PDB file of all heavy atoms in Angstrom:
ATOM      1  N   ILE A   1      90.881  87.376  98.843  1.00  0.00           N
ATOM      2  CA  ILE A   1      89.614  86.791  98.392  1.00  0.00           C
ATOM      3  C   ILE A   1      88.535  86.986  99.451  1.00  0.00           C
ATOM      4  O   ILE A   1      87.423  87.409  99.158  1.00  0.00           O
ATOM      5  CB  ILE A   1      89.786  85.292  98.089  1.00  0.00           C
ATOM      6  CG1 ILE A   1      90.749  85.098  96.903  1.00  0.00           C
ATOM      7  CG2 ILE A   1      88.441  84.631  97.808  1.00  0.00           C
ATOM      8  CD1 ILE A   1      91.100  83.649  96.631  1.00  0.00           C
ATOM      9  N   SER A   2      88.890  86.703 100.714  1.00  0.00           N
ATOM     10  CA  SER A   2      87.879  86.732 101.776  1.00  0.00           C
ATOM     11  C   SER A   2      87.740  88.104 102.428  1.00  0.00           C
ATOM     12  O   SER A   2      86.654  88.478 102.861  1.00  0.00           O
ATOM     13  CB  SER A   2      88.221  85.701 102.860  1.00  0.00           C
ATOM     14  OG  SER A   2      89.373  86.098 103.577  1.00  0.00           O
ATOM     15  N   GLY A   3      88.851  88.861 102.537  1.00  0.00           N
ATOM     16  CA  GLY A   3      88.798  90.172 103.172  1.00  0.00           C
ATOM     17  C   GLY A   3      88.600  90.108 104.674  1.00  0.00           C
ATOM     18  O   GLY A   3      88.305  91.104 105.324  1.00  0.00           O
ATOM     19  N   SER A   4      88.784  88.928 105.267  1.00  0.00           N
ATOM     20  CA  SER A   4      88.521  88.743 106.695  1.00  0.00           C
ATOM     21  C   SER A   4      89.626  87.923 107.335  1.00  0.00           C
ATOM     22  O   SER A   4      90.046  86.900 106.787  1.00  0.00           O
ATOM     23  CB  SER A   4      87.169  88.045 106.884  1.00  0.00           C
ATOM     24  OG  SER A   4      87.013  87.579 108.209  1.00  0.00           O
ATOM     25  N   GLY A   5      90.105  88.365 108.511  1.00  0.00           N
ATOM     26  CA  GLY A   5      91.143  87.637 109.221  1.00  0.00           C
ATOM     27  C   GLY A   5      90.687  86.290 109.746  1.00  0.00           C
ATOM     28  O   GLY A   5      91.287  85.254 109.443  1.00  0.00           O
ATOM     29  N   PRO A   6      89.612  86.234 110.549  1.00  0.00           N
ATOM     30  CA  PRO A   6      89.146  84.946 111.076  1.00  0.00           C
ATOM     31  C   PRO A   6      88.773  83.957 109.973  1.00  0.00           C
ATOM     32  O   PRO A   6      89.020  82.756 110.106  1.00  0.00           O
ATOM     33  CB  PRO A   6      87.912  85.339 111.903  1.00  0.00           C
ATOM     34  CG  PRO A   6      88.168  86.746 112.307  1.00  0.00           C
ATOM     35  CD  PRO A   6      88.890  87.364 111.149  1.00  0.00           C
ATOM     36  N   ALA A   7      88.194  84.450 108.868  1.00  0.00           N
ATOM     37  CA  ALA A   7      87.829  83.558 107.764  1.00  0.00           C
ATOM     38  C   ALA A   7      89.074  82.929 107.140  1.00  0.00           C
ATOM     39  O   ALA A   7      89.073  81.757 106.757  1.00  0.00           O
ATOM     40  CB  ALA A   7      87.042  84.326 106.699  1.00  0.00           C
ATOM     41  N   THR A   8      90.143  83.713 107.046  1.00  0.00           N
ATOM     42  CA  THR A   8      91.395  83.205 106.490  1.00  0.00           C
ATOM     43  C   THR A   8      91.967  82.104 107.375  1.00  0.00           C
ATOM     44  O   THR A   8      92.411  81.053 106.886  1.00  0.00           O
ATOM     45  CB  THR A   8      92.419  84.344 106.340  1.00  0.00           C
ATOM     46  OG1 THR A   8      91.872  85.359 105.487  1.00  0.00           O
ATOM     47  CG2 THR A   8      93.723  83.842 105.745  1.00  0.00           C
ATOM     48  N   VAL A   9      91.968  82.338 108.686  1.00  0.00           N
ATOM     49  CA  VAL A   9      92.480  81.329 109.628  1.00  0.00           C
ATOM     50  C   VAL A   9      91.651  80.055 109.559  1.00  0.00           C
ATOM     51  O   VAL A   9      92.190  78.942 109.518  1.00  0.00           O
ATOM     52  CB  VAL A   9      92.484  81.882 111.068  1.00  0.00           C
ATOM     53  CG1 VAL A   9      92.968  80.817 112.052  1.00  0.00           C
ATOM     54  CG2 VAL A   9      93.369  83.109 111.173  1.00  0.00           C
ATOM     55  N   ALA A  10      90.331  80.209 109.523  1.00  0.00           N
ATOM     56  CA  ALA A  10      89.456  79.038 109.512  1.00  0.00           C
ATOM     57  C   ALA A  10      89.613  78.227 108.229  1.00  0.00           C
ATOM     58  O   ALA A  10      89.686  76.992 108.266  1.00  0.00           O
ATOM     59  CB  ALA A  10      88.002  79.483 109.674  1.00  0.00           C
ATOM     60  N   ALA A  11      89.690  78.928 107.092  1.00  0.00           N
ATOM     61  CA  ALA A  11      89.744  78.222 105.801  1.00  0.00           C
ATOM     62  C   ALA A  11      91.069  77.517 105.593  1.00  0.00           C
ATOM     63  O   ALA A  11      91.125  76.384 105.100  1.00  0.00           O
ATOM     64  CB  ALA A  11      89.480  79.204 104.660  1.00  0.00           C
ATOM     65  N   LEU A  12      92.169  78.170 105.960  1.00  0.00           N
ATOM     66  CA  LEU A  12      93.495  77.614 105.696  1.00  0.00           C
ATOM     67  C   LEU A  12      94.015  76.768 106.854  1.00  0.00           C
ATOM     68  O   LEU A  12      94.761  75.812 106.641  1.00  0.00           O
ATOM     69  CB  LEU A  12      94.490  78.748 105.407  1.00  0.00           C
ATOM     70  CG  LEU A  12      94.131  79.678 104.241  1.00  0.00           C
ATOM     71  CD1 LEU A  12      95.211  80.750 104.078  1.00  0.00           C
ATOM     72  CD2 LEU A  12      93.954  78.910 102.951  1.00  0.00           C
ATOM     73  N   GLY A  13      93.625  77.137 108.069  1.00  0.00           N
ATOM     74  CA  GLY A  13      94.150  76.435 109.240  1.00  0.00           C
ATOM     75  C   GLY A  13      93.784  74.970 109.292  1.00  0.00           C
ATOM     76  O   GLY A  13      94.569  74.132 109.751  1.00  0.00           O
ATOM     77  N   MET A  14      92.602  74.638 108.805  1.00  0.00           N
ATOM     78  CA  MET A  14      92.157  73.241 108.813  1.00  0.00           C
ATOM     79  C   MET A  14      93.098  72.342 108.029  1.00  0.00           C
ATOM     80  O   MET A  14      93.223  71.150 108.313  1.00  0.00           O
ATOM     81  CB  MET A  14      90.744  73.138 108.228  1.00  0.00           C
ATOM     82  CG  MET A  14      89.673  73.824 109.050  1.00  0.00           C
ATOM     83  SD  MET A  14      89.411  73.067 110.672  1.00  0.00           S
ATOM     84  CE  MET A  14      88.700  71.501 110.179  1.00  0.00           C
ATOM     85  N   ILE A  15      93.777  72.908 107.037  1.00  0.00           N
ATOM     86  CA  ILE A  15      94.700  72.132 106.209  1.00  0.00           C
ATOM     87  C   ILE A  15      96.139  72.321 106.661  1.00  0.00           C
ATOM     88  O   ILE A  15      96.898  71.349 106.830  1.00  0.00           O
ATOM     89  CB  ILE A  15      94.567  72.544 104.729  1.00  0.00           C
ATOM     90  CG1 ILE A  15      93.125  72.373 104.248  1.00  0.00           C
ATOM     91  CG2 ILE A  15      95.518  71.738 103.848  1.00  0.00           C
ATOM     92  CD1 ILE A  15      92.849  72.985 102.901  1.00  0.00           C
ATOM     93  N   LEU A  16      96.542  73.579 106.879  1.00  0.00           N
ATOM     94  CA  LEU A  16      97.955  73.878 107.091  1.00  0.00           C
ATOM     95  C   LEU A  16      98.455  73.579 108.495  1.00  0.00           C
ATOM     96  O   LEU A  16      99.605  73.161 108.667  1.00  0.00           O
ATOM     97  CB  LEU A  16      98.216  75.356 106.753  1.00  0.00           C
ATOM     98  CG  LEU A  16      98.252  75.677 105.259  1.00  0.00           C
ATOM     99  CD1 LEU A  16      98.340  77.171 105.020  1.00  0.00           C
ATOM    100  CD2 LEU A  16      99.439  74.965 104.595  1.00  0.00           C
ATOM    101  N   ILE A  17      97.618  73.794 109.504  1.00  0.00           N
ATOM    102  CA  ILE A  17      98.087  73.514 110.868  1.00  0.00           C
ATOM    103  C   ILE A  17      98.399  72.023 111.052  1.00  0.00           C
ATOM    104  O   ILE A  17      99.492  71.673 111.523  1.00  0.00           O
ATOM    105  CB  ILE A  17      97.071  74.020 111.920  1.00  0.00           C
ATOM    106  CG1 ILE A  17      97.040  75.550 111.911  1.00  0.00           C
ATOM    107  CG2 ILE A  17      97.436  73.512 113.320  1.00  0.00           C
ATOM    108  CD1 ILE A  17      96.006  76.151 112.848  1.00  0.00           C
ATOM    109  N   PRO A  18      97.509  71.101 110.678  1.00  0.00           N
ATOM    110  CA  PRO A  18      97.870  69.677 110.767  1.00  0.00           C
ATOM    111  C   PRO A  18      99.077  69.322 109.903  1.00  0.00           C
ATOM    112  O   PRO A  18      99.904  68.489 110.300  1.00  0.00           O
ATOM    113  CB  PRO A  18      96.607  68.964 110.262  1.00  0.00           C
ATOM    114  CG  PRO A  18      95.498  69.920 110.509  1.00  0.00           C
ATOM    115  CD  PRO A  18      96.096  71.271 110.275  1.00  0.00           C
ATOM    116  N   ALA A  19      99.197  69.947 108.713  1.00  0.00           N
ATOM    117  CA  ALA A  19     100.346  69.655 107.844  1.00  0.00           C
ATOM    118  C   ALA A  19     101.649  70.064 108.504  1.00  0.00           C
ATOM    119  O   ALA A  19     102.660  69.338 108.432  1.00  0.00           O
ATOM    120  CB  ALA A  19     100.181  70.382 106.510  1.00  0.00           C
ATOM    121  N   MET A  20     101.663  71.211 109.179  1.00  0.00           N
ATOM    122  CA  MET A  20     102.878  71.669 109.861  1.00  0.00           C
ATOM    123  C   MET A  20     103.197  70.788 111.063  1.00  0.00           C
ATOM    124  O   MET A  20     104.368  70.474 111.320  1.00  0.00           O
ATOM    125  CB  MET A  20     102.727  73.131 110.283  1.00  0.00           C
ATOM    126  CG  MET A  20     102.714  74.110 109.107  1.00  0.00           C
ATOM    127  SD  MET A  20     102.925  75.825 109.599  1.00  0.00           S
ATOM    128  CE  MET A  20     104.638  75.857 110.143  1.00  0.00           C
ATOM    129  N   VAL A  21     102.168  70.380 111.790  1.00  0.00           N
ATOM    130  CA  VAL A  21     102.388  69.498 112.947  1.00  0.00           C
ATOM    131  C   VAL A  21     102.961  68.158 112.479  1.00  0.00           C
ATOM    132  O   VAL A  21     103.907  67.617 113.084  1.00  0.00           O
ATOM    133  CB  VAL A  21     101.074  69.300 113.730  1.00  0.00           C
ATOM    134  CG1 VAL A  21     101.251  68.220 114.801  1.00  0.00           C
ATOM    135  CG2 VAL A  21     100.632  70.608 114.367  1.00  0.00           C
ATOM    136  N   ASN A  22     102.424  67.623 111.408  1.00  0.00           N
ATOM    137  CA  ASN A  22     102.925  66.357 110.860  1.00  0.00           C
ATOM    138  C   ASN A  22     104.368  66.469 110.378  1.00  0.00           C
ATOM    139  O   ASN A  22     105.117  65.484 110.395  1.00  0.00           O
ATOM    140  CB  ASN A  22     102.032  65.885 109.703  1.00  0.00           C
ATOM    141  CG  ASN A  22     100.661  65.454 110.163  1.00  0.00           C
ATOM    142  OD1 ASN A  22     100.470  65.085 111.325  1.00  0.00           O
ATOM    143  ND2 ASN A  22      99.676  65.516 109.279  1.00  0.00           N
ATOM    144  N   ALA A  23     104.754  67.666 109.941  1.00  0.00           N
ATOM    145  CA  ALA A  23     106.125  67.883 109.466  1.00  0.00           C
ATOM    146  C   ALA A  23     107.114  68.070 110.607  1.00  0.00           C
ATOM    147  O   ALA A  23     108.332  68.064 110.377  1.00  0.00           O
ATOM    148  CB  ALA A  23     106.173  69.093 108.543  1.00  0.00           C
ATOM    149  N   GLY A  24     106.621  68.247 111.849  1.00  0.00           N
ATOM    150  CA  GLY A  24     107.510  68.378 112.993  1.00  0.00           C
ATOM    151  C   GLY A  24     107.445  69.698 113.723  1.00  0.00           C
ATOM    152  O   GLY A  24     108.131  69.892 114.736  1.00  0.00           O
ATOM    153  N   TYR A  25     106.645  70.638 113.249  1.00  0.00           N
ATOM    154  CA  TYR A  25     106.506  71.916 113.948  1.00  0.00           C
ATOM    155  C   TYR A  25     105.602  71.741 115.166  1.00  0.00           C
ATOM    156  O   TYR A  25     104.608  70.998 115.097  1.00  0.00           O
ATOM    157  CB  TYR A  25     105.899  72.976 113.027  1.00  0.00           C
ATOM    158  CG  TYR A  25     106.808  73.414 111.893  1.00  0.00           C
ATOM    159  CD1 TYR A  25     106.648  72.892 110.611  1.00  0.00           C
ATOM    160  CD2 TYR A  25     107.809  74.354 112.101  1.00  0.00           C
ATOM    161  CE1 TYR A  25     107.471  73.293 109.566  1.00  0.00           C
ATOM    162  CE2 TYR A  25     108.631  74.766 111.060  1.00  0.00           C
ATOM    163  CZ  TYR A  25     108.457  74.236 109.791  1.00  0.00           C
ATOM    164  OH  TYR A  25     109.276  74.632 108.774  1.00  0.00           O
ATOM    165  N   PRO A  26     105.899  72.425 116.283  1.00  0.00           N
ATOM    166  CA  PRO A  26     105.011  72.342 117.447  1.00  0.00           C
ATOM    167  C   PRO A  26     103.621  72.871 117.118  1.00  0.00           C
ATOM    168  O   PRO A  26     103.475  73.806 116.316  1.00  0.00           O
ATOM    169  CB  PRO A  26     105.710  73.244 118.484  1.00  0.00           C
ATOM    170  CG  PRO A  26     107.134  73.315 118.044  1.00  0.00           C
ATOM    171  CD  PRO A  26     107.111  73.226 116.554  1.00  0.00           C
ATOM    172  N   ALA A  27     102.607  72.305 117.755  1.00  0.00           N
ATOM    173  CA  ALA A  27     101.231  72.709 117.473  1.00  0.00           C
ATOM    174  C   ALA A  27     100.997  74.174 117.816  1.00  0.00           C
ATOM    175  O   ALA A  27     100.329  74.900 117.065  1.00  0.00           O
ATOM    176  CB  ALA A  27     100.267  71.816 118.258  1.00  0.00           C
ATOM    177  N   ALA A  28     101.548  74.626 118.946  1.00  0.00           N
ATOM    178  CA  ALA A  28     101.349  76.021 119.351  1.00  0.00           C
ATOM    179  C   ALA A  28     101.995  76.974 118.354  1.00  0.00           C
ATOM    180  O   ALA A  28     101.420  78.015 118.000  1.00  0.00           O
ATOM    181  CB  ALA A  28     101.926  76.253 120.745  1.00  0.00           C
ATOM    182  N   PHE A  29     103.189  76.651 117.896  1.00  0.00           N
ATOM    183  CA  PHE A  29     103.889  77.474 116.898  1.00  0.00           C
ATOM    184  C   PHE A  29     103.081  77.534 115.607  1.00  0.00           C
ATOM    185  O   PHE A  29     102.891  78.613 115.023  1.00  0.00           O
ATOM    186  CB  PHE A  29     105.274  76.893 116.635  1.00  0.00           C
ATOM    187  CG  PHE A  29     106.012  77.542 115.491  1.00  0.00           C
ATOM    188  CD1 PHE A  29     106.747  78.699 115.704  1.00  0.00           C
ATOM    189  CD2 PHE A  29     105.976  76.988 114.217  1.00  0.00           C
ATOM    190  CE1 PHE A  29     107.426  79.304 114.644  1.00  0.00           C
ATOM    191  CE2 PHE A  29     106.651  77.585 113.162  1.00  0.00           C
ATOM    192  CZ  PHE A  29     107.376  78.746 113.381  1.00  0.00           C
ATOM    193  N   SER A  30     102.585  76.403 115.152  1.00  0.00           N
ATOM    194  CA  SER A  30     101.836  76.332 113.897  1.00  0.00           C
ATOM    195  C   SER A  30     100.549  77.138 113.982  1.00  0.00           C
ATOM    196  O   SER A  30     100.218  77.906 113.064  1.00  0.00           O
ATOM    197  CB  SER A  30     101.508  74.873 113.558  1.00  0.00           C
ATOM    198  OG  SER A  30     102.680  74.082 113.532  1.00  0.00           O
ATOM    199  N   ALA A  31      99.816  76.962 115.087  1.00  0.00           N
ATOM    200  CA  ALA A  31      98.548  77.683 115.244  1.00  0.00           C
ATOM    201  C   ALA A  31      98.779  79.184 115.399  1.00  0.00           C
ATOM    202  O   ALA A  31      98.010  80.001 114.869  1.00  0.00           O
ATOM    203  CB  ALA A  31      97.790  77.131 116.449  1.00  0.00           C
ATOM    204  N   ALA A  32      99.842  79.558 116.134  1.00  0.00           N
ATOM    205  CA  ALA A  32     100.144  80.983 116.321  1.00  0.00           C
ATOM    206  C   ALA A  32     100.506  81.647 114.997  1.00  0.00           C
ATOM    207  O   ALA A  32     100.072  82.767 114.701  1.00  0.00           O
ATOM    208  CB  ALA A  32     101.279  81.153 117.330  1.00  0.00           C
TER     209      ALA A  32
END
């Protein structure tokens, strides 16, 4: 949809990175 790497990280990361951290994944692993 976006055709851009940074846009994909910004749009999805705001939701998925905190969700993964809350589930028990390390923050560095989730962000990487």
